[in-house]
Amino acid sequence: MAALVRHRPATYFRQNSKQICGELGIFLEPARSEAMRAKLNRLAERGWLRKLADGKFTTTL
């Protein structure tokens, strides 16, 4: 996520796990995108990210 924060404006960060995988160059297989979603959910629980009502993630800045 830090790599994305440096290069994109704050309004860009309403993304789902598949979009984030694509930005990071991770294959868009269901297993990989589900693993990324689980990691993003953990980061949201810990306060590093916010999970929006539509299931997308954004930074807490």
PDB file of N, CA and C in Angstrom:
ATOM      1  N   MET A   1       0.818  -1.183   0.000  1.00  0.00           N
ATOM      2  CA  MET A   1       0.000   0.000   0.000  1.00  0.00           C
ATOM      3  C   MET A   1       0.867   1.254   0.000  1.00  0.00           C
ATOM      4  N   ALA A   2       1.995   1.209   0.700  1.00  0.00           N
ATOM      5  CA  ALA A   2       2.857   2.383   0.767  1.00  0.00           C
ATOM      6  C   ALA A   2       3.357   2.786  -0.614  1.00  0.00           C
ATOM      7  N   ALA A   3       3.625   1.808  -1.452  1.00  0.00           N
ATOM      8  CA  ALA A   3       4.079   2.110  -2.811  1.00  0.00           C
ATOM      9  C   ALA A   3       2.993   2.835  -3.594  1.00  0.00           C
ATOM     10  N   LEU A   4       1.749   2.490  -3.356  1.00  0.00           N
ATOM     11  CA  LEU A   4       0.646   3.146  -4.046  1.00  0.00           C
ATOM     12  C   LEU A   4       0.408   4.550  -3.517  1.00  0.00           C
ATOM     13  N   VAL A   5       0.606   4.758  -2.233  1.00  0.00           N
ATOM     14  CA  VAL A   5       0.350   6.062  -1.614  1.00  0.00           C
ATOM     15  C   VAL A   5       1.281   7.122  -2.183  1.00  0.00           C
ATOM     16  N   ARG A   6       2.509   6.744  -2.483  1.00  0.00           N
ATOM     17  CA  ARG A   6       3.473   7.722  -2.995  1.00  0.00           C
ATOM     18  C   ARG A   6       3.122   8.206  -4.393  1.00  0.00           C
ATOM     19  N   HIS A   7       2.419   7.411  -5.180  1.00  0.00           N
ATOM     20  CA  HIS A   7       2.231   7.731  -6.582  1.00  0.00           C
ATOM     21  C   HIS A   7       0.816   8.125  -6.968  1.00  0.00           C
ATOM     22  N   ARG A   8      -0.126   8.020  -6.063  1.00  0.00           N
ATOM     23  CA  ARG A   8      -1.516   8.296  -6.419  1.00  0.00           C
ATOM     24  C   ARG A   8      -2.128   9.325  -5.473  1.00  0.00           C
ATOM     25  N   PRO A   9      -3.062  10.148  -5.960  1.00  0.00           N
ATOM     26  CA  PRO A   9      -3.757  11.073  -5.067  1.00  0.00           C
ATOM     27  C   PRO A   9      -4.676  10.332  -4.102  1.00  0.00           C
ATOM     28  N   ALA A  10      -5.055  10.985  -3.030  1.00  0.00           N
ATOM     29  CA  ALA A  10      -5.853  10.355  -1.972  1.00  0.00           C
ATOM     30  C   ALA A  10      -7.208   9.868  -2.475  1.00  0.00           C
ATOM     31  N   THR A  11      -7.797  10.534  -3.437  1.00  0.00           N
ATOM     32  CA  THR A  11      -9.110  10.133  -3.931  1.00  0.00           C
ATOM     33  C   THR A  11      -9.053   8.840  -4.748  1.00  0.00           C
ATOM     34  N   TYR A  12      -7.871   8.422  -5.143  1.00  0.00           N
ATOM     35  CA  TYR A  12      -7.707   7.213  -5.943  1.00  0.00           C
ATOM     36  C   TYR A  12      -7.903   5.954  -5.124  1.00  0.00           C
ATOM     37  N   PHE A  13      -7.773   6.046  -3.829  1.00  0.00           N
ATOM     38  CA  PHE A  13      -7.709   4.871  -2.966  1.00  0.00           C
ATOM     39  C   PHE A  13      -9.054   4.342  -2.522  1.00  0.00           C
ATOM     40  N   ARG A  14      -9.960   4.143  -3.418  1.00  0.00           N
ATOM     41  CA  ARG A  14     -11.188   3.402  -3.138  1.00  0.00           C
ATOM     42  C   ARG A  14     -11.142   2.197  -4.041  1.00  0.00           C
ATOM     43  N   GLN A  15     -10.415   1.180  -3.609  1.00  0.00           N
ATOM     44  CA  GLN A  15     -10.189   0.031  -4.460  1.00  0.00           C
ATOM     45  C   GLN A  15     -10.557  -1.253  -3.749  1.00  0.00           C
ATOM     46  N   ASN A  16     -10.952  -2.241  -4.548  1.00  0.00           N
ATOM     47  CA  ASN A  16     -11.178  -3.562  -3.984  1.00  0.00           C
ATOM     48  C   ASN A  16      -9.885  -4.366  -4.108  1.00  0.00           C
ATOM     49  N   SER A  17      -9.888  -5.580  -3.594  1.00  0.00           N
ATOM     50  CA  SER A  17      -8.660  -6.371  -3.540  1.00  0.00           C
ATOM     51  C   SER A  17      -8.133  -6.713  -4.934  1.00  0.00           C
ATOM     52  N   LYS A  18      -9.005  -6.942  -5.903  1.00  0.00           N
ATOM     53  CA  LYS A  18      -8.543  -7.263  -7.254  1.00  0.00           C
ATOM     54  C   LYS A  18      -7.836  -6.078  -7.894  1.00  0.00           C
ATOM     55  N   GLN A  19      -8.345  -4.890  -7.671  1.00  0.00           N
ATOM     56  CA  GLN A  19      -7.708  -3.702  -8.221  1.00  0.00           C
ATOM     57  C   GLN A  19      -6.333  -3.491  -7.587  1.00  0.00           C
ATOM     58  N   ILE A  20      -6.226  -3.736  -6.296  1.00  0.00           N
ATOM     59  CA  ILE A  20      -4.947  -3.577  -5.608  1.00  0.00           C
ATOM     60  C   ILE A  20      -3.953  -4.617  -6.102  1.00  0.00           C
ATOM     61  N   CYS A  21      -4.397  -5.852  -6.308  1.00  0.00           N
ATOM     62  CA  CYS A  21      -3.524  -6.896  -6.867  1.00  0.00           C
ATOM     63  C   CYS A  21      -2.999  -6.466  -8.233  1.00  0.00           C
ATOM     64  N   GLY A  22      -3.866  -5.921  -9.053  1.00  0.00           N
ATOM     65  CA  GLY A  22      -3.453  -5.462 -10.377  1.00  0.00           C
ATOM     66  C   GLY A  22      -2.415  -4.363 -10.303  1.00  0.00           C
ATOM     67  N   GLU A  23      -2.587  -3.418  -9.394  1.00  0.00           N
ATOM     68  CA  GLU A  23      -1.635  -2.329  -9.232  1.00  0.00           C
ATOM     69  C   GLU A  23      -0.275  -2.830  -8.758  1.00  0.00           C
ATOM     70  N   LEU A  24      -0.278  -3.863  -7.927  1.00  0.00           N
ATOM     71  CA  LEU A  24       0.974  -4.397  -7.396  1.00  0.00           C
ATOM     72  C   LEU A  24       1.602  -5.448  -8.297  1.00  0.00           C
ATOM     73  N   GLY A  25       0.946  -5.797  -9.391  1.00  0.00           N
ATOM     74  CA  GLY A  25       1.493  -6.777 -10.316  1.00  0.00           C
ATOM     75  C   GLY A  25       1.318  -8.217  -9.878  1.00  0.00           C
ATOM     76  N   ILE A  26       0.359  -8.469  -8.997  1.00  0.00           N
ATOM     77  CA  ILE A  26       0.074  -9.820  -8.522  1.00  0.00           C
ATOM     78  C   ILE A  26      -0.954 -10.438  -9.461  1.00  0.00           C
ATOM     79  N   PHE A  27      -0.783 -11.712  -9.787  1.00  0.00           N
ATOM     80  CA  PHE A  27      -1.712 -12.400 -10.680  1.00  0.00           C
ATOM     81  C   PHE A  27      -3.141 -12.317 -10.137  1.00  0.00           C
ATOM     82  N   LEU A  28      -4.097 -12.189 -11.025  1.00  0.00           N
ATOM     83  CA  LEU A  28      -5.489 -12.011 -10.628  1.00  0.00           C
ATOM     84  C   LEU A  28      -6.231 -13.335 -10.519  1.00  0.00           C
ATOM     85  N   GLU A  29      -5.590 -14.332  -9.970  1.00  0.00           N
ATOM     86  CA  GLU A  29      -6.234 -15.613  -9.705  1.00  0.00           C
ATOM     87  C   GLU A  29      -7.097 -15.463  -8.458  1.00  0.00           C
ATOM     88  N   PRO A  30      -8.191 -16.213  -8.359  1.00  0.00           N
ATOM     89  CA  PRO A  30      -9.054 -16.103  -7.183  1.00  0.00           C
ATOM     90  C   PRO A  30      -8.323 -16.359  -5.855  1.00  0.00           C
ATOM     91  N   ALA A  31      -7.416 -17.312  -5.830  1.00  0.00           N
ATOM     92  CA  ALA A  31      -6.702 -17.617  -4.593  1.00  0.00           C
ATOM     93  C   ALA A  31      -5.842 -16.441  -4.147  1.00  0.00           C
ATOM     94  N   ARG A  32      -5.192 -15.791  -5.091  1.00  0.00           N
ATOM     95  CA  ARG A  32      -4.320 -14.658  -4.741  1.00  0.00           C
ATOM     96  C   ARG A  32      -5.129 -13.423  -4.343  1.00  0.00           C
ATOM     97  N   SER A  33      -6.232 -13.173  -5.039  1.00  0.00           N
ATOM     98  CA  SER A  33      -7.025 -11.995  -4.682  1.00  0.00           C
ATOM     99  C   SER A  33      -7.737 -12.202  -3.341  1.00  0.00           C
ATOM    100  N   GLU A  34      -8.127 -13.438  -3.033  1.00  0.00           N
ATOM    101  CA  GLU A  34      -8.738 -13.716  -1.722  1.00  0.00           C
ATOM    102  C   GLU A  34      -7.709 -13.590  -0.597  1.00  0.00           C
ATOM    103  N   ALA A  35      -6.473 -14.018  -0.872  1.00  0.00           N
ATOM    104  CA  ALA A  35      -5.413 -13.853   0.129  1.00  0.00           C
ATOM    105  C   ALA A  35      -5.140 -12.371   0.371  1.00  0.00           C
ATOM    106  N   MET A  36      -5.143 -11.578  -0.698  1.00  0.00           N
ATOM    107  CA  MET A  36      -4.941 -10.132  -0.556  1.00  0.00           C
ATOM    108  C   MET A  36      -6.103  -9.511   0.217  1.00  0.00           C
ATOM    109  N   ARG A  37      -7.328  -9.957  -0.063  1.00  0.00           N
ATOM    110  CA  ARG A  37      -8.490  -9.429   0.660  1.00  0.00           C
ATOM    111  C   ARG A  37      -8.379  -9.730   2.154  1.00  0.00           C
ATOM    112  N   ALA A  38      -7.923 -10.924   2.495  1.00  0.00           N
ATOM    113  CA  ALA A  38      -7.748 -11.288   3.902  1.00  0.00           C
ATOM    114  C   ALA A  38      -6.697 -10.395   4.565  1.00  0.00           C
ATOM    115  N   LYS A  39      -5.613 -10.118   3.859  1.00  0.00           N
ATOM    116  CA  LYS A  39      -4.572  -9.241   4.398  1.00  0.00           C
ATOM    117  C   LYS A  39      -5.095  -7.818   4.572  1.00  0.00           C
ATOM    118  N   LEU A  40      -5.862  -7.346   3.598  1.00  0.00           N
ATOM    119  CA  LEU A  40      -6.422  -6.005   3.687  1.00  0.00           C
ATOM    120  C   LEU A  40      -7.433  -5.905   4.831  1.00  0.00           C
ATOM    121  N   ASN A  41      -8.224  -6.960   5.042  1.00  0.00           N
ATOM    122  CA  ASN A  41      -9.161  -6.970   6.171  1.00  0.00           C
ATOM    123  C   ASN A  41      -8.415  -6.896   7.500  1.00  0.00           C
ATOM    124  N   ARG A  42      -7.299  -7.629   7.608  1.00  0.00           N
ATOM    125  CA  ARG A  42      -6.501  -7.565   8.846  1.00  0.00           C
ATOM    126  C   ARG A  42      -5.947  -6.167   9.066  1.00  0.00           C
ATOM    127  N   LEU A  43      -5.477  -5.531   7.989  1.00  0.00           N
ATOM    128  CA  LEU A  43      -4.970  -4.164   8.116  1.00  0.00           C
ATOM    129  C   LEU A  43      -6.086  -3.199   8.517  1.00  0.00           C
ATOM    130  N   ALA A  44      -7.292  -3.439   8.030  1.00  0.00           N
ATOM    131  CA  ALA A  44      -8.434  -2.594   8.402  1.00  0.00           C
ATOM    132  C   ALA A  44      -8.797  -2.796   9.871  1.00  0.00           C
ATOM    133  N   GLU A  45      -8.740  -4.028  10.350  1.00  0.00           N
ATOM    134  CA  GLU A  45      -9.032  -4.290  11.760  1.00  0.00           C
ATOM    135  C   GLU A  45      -8.019  -3.627  12.677  1.00  0.00           C
ATOM    136  N   ARG A  46      -6.781  -3.511  12.214  1.00  0.00           N
ATOM    137  CA  ARG A  46      -5.705  -2.929  13.018  1.00  0.00           C
ATOM    138  C   ARG A  46      -5.623  -1.407  12.886  1.00  0.00           C
ATOM    139  N   GLY A  47      -6.452  -0.831  12.013  1.00  0.00           N
ATOM    140  CA  GLY A  47      -6.497   0.618  11.894  1.00  0.00           C
ATOM    141  C   GLY A  47      -5.589   1.210  10.831  1.00  0.00           C
ATOM    142  N   TRP A  48      -4.917   0.402  10.041  1.00  0.00           N
ATOM    143  CA  TRP A  48      -4.039   0.906   8.998  1.00  0.00           C
ATOM    144  C   TRP A  48      -4.817   1.310   7.750  1.00  0.00           C
ATOM    145  N   LEU A  49      -5.941   0.653   7.505  1.00  0.00           N
ATOM    146  CA  LEU A  49      -6.816   0.954   6.374  1.00  0.00           C
ATOM    147  C   LEU A  49      -8.237   1.112   6.869  1.00  0.00           C
ATOM    148  N   ARG A  50      -9.095   1.644   6.015  1.00  0.00           N
ATOM    149  CA  ARG A  50     -10.532   1.682   6.300  1.00  0.00           C
ATOM    150  C   ARG A  50     -11.236   0.828   5.274  1.00  0.00           C
ATOM    151  N   LYS A  51     -12.168   0.008   5.727  1.00  0.00           N
ATOM    152  CA  LYS A  51     -12.993  -0.766   4.811  1.00  0.00           C
ATOM    153  C   LYS A  51     -14.332  -0.050   4.701  1.00  0.00           C
ATOM    154  N   LEU A  52     -14.692   0.304   3.490  1.00  0.00           N
ATOM    155  CA  LEU A  52     -15.929   1.030   3.257  1.00  0.00           C
ATOM    156  C   LEU A  52     -17.109   0.068   3.163  1.00  0.00           C
ATOM    157  N   ALA A  53     -18.299   0.616   3.211  1.00  0.00           N
ATOM    158  CA  ALA A  53     -19.519  -0.207   3.190  1.00  0.00           C
ATOM    159  C   ALA A  53     -19.659  -1.006   1.898  1.00  0.00           C
ATOM    160  N   ASP A  54     -19.112  -0.503   0.808  1.00  0.00           N
ATOM    161  CA  ASP A  54     -19.205  -1.221  -0.465  1.00  0.00           C
ATOM    162  C   ASP A  54     -18.118  -2.284  -0.637  1.00  0.00           C
ATOM    163  N   GLY A  55     -17.311  -2.511   0.405  1.00  0.00           N
ATOM    164  CA  GLY A  55     -16.286  -3.554   0.370  1.00  0.00           C
ATOM    165  C   GLY A  55     -14.936  -3.080  -0.153  1.00  0.00           C
ATOM    166  N   LYS A  56     -14.843  -1.822  -0.510  1.00  0.00           N
ATOM    167  CA  LYS A  56     -13.572  -1.288  -1.000  1.00  0.00           C
ATOM    168  C   LYS A  56     -12.743  -0.787   0.173  1.00  0.00           C
ATOM    169  N   PHE A  57     -11.455  -0.640  -0.066  1.00  0.00           N
ATOM    170  CA  PHE A  57     -10.536  -0.208   0.974  1.00  0.00           C
ATOM    171  C   PHE A  57      -9.981   1.151   0.623  1.00  0.00           C
ATOM    172  N   THR A  58      -9.652   1.928   1.650  1.00  0.00           N
ATOM    173  CA  THR A  58      -9.061   3.231   1.463  1.00  0.00           C
ATOM    174  C   THR A  58      -8.064   3.480   2.593  1.00  0.00           C
ATOM    175  N   THR A  59      -7.203   4.462   2.392  1.00  0.00           N
ATOM    176  CA  THR A  59      -6.229   4.787   3.432  1.00  0.00           C
ATOM    177  C   THR A  59      -6.923   5.543   4.549  1.00  0.00           C
ATOM    178  N   THR A  60      -6.296   5.582   5.707  1.00  0.00           N
ATOM    179  CA  THR A  60      -6.880   6.285   6.854  1.00  0.00           C
ATOM    180  C   THR A  60      -6.382   7.717   6.952  1.00  0.00           C
ATOM    181  N   LEU A  61      -5.682   8.206   5.947  1.00  0.00           N
ATOM    182  CA  LEU A  61      -5.122   9.567   5.981  1.00  0.00           C
ATOM    183  C   LEU A  61      -6.180  10.611   5.981  1.00  0.00           C
TER     184      LEU A  61
END
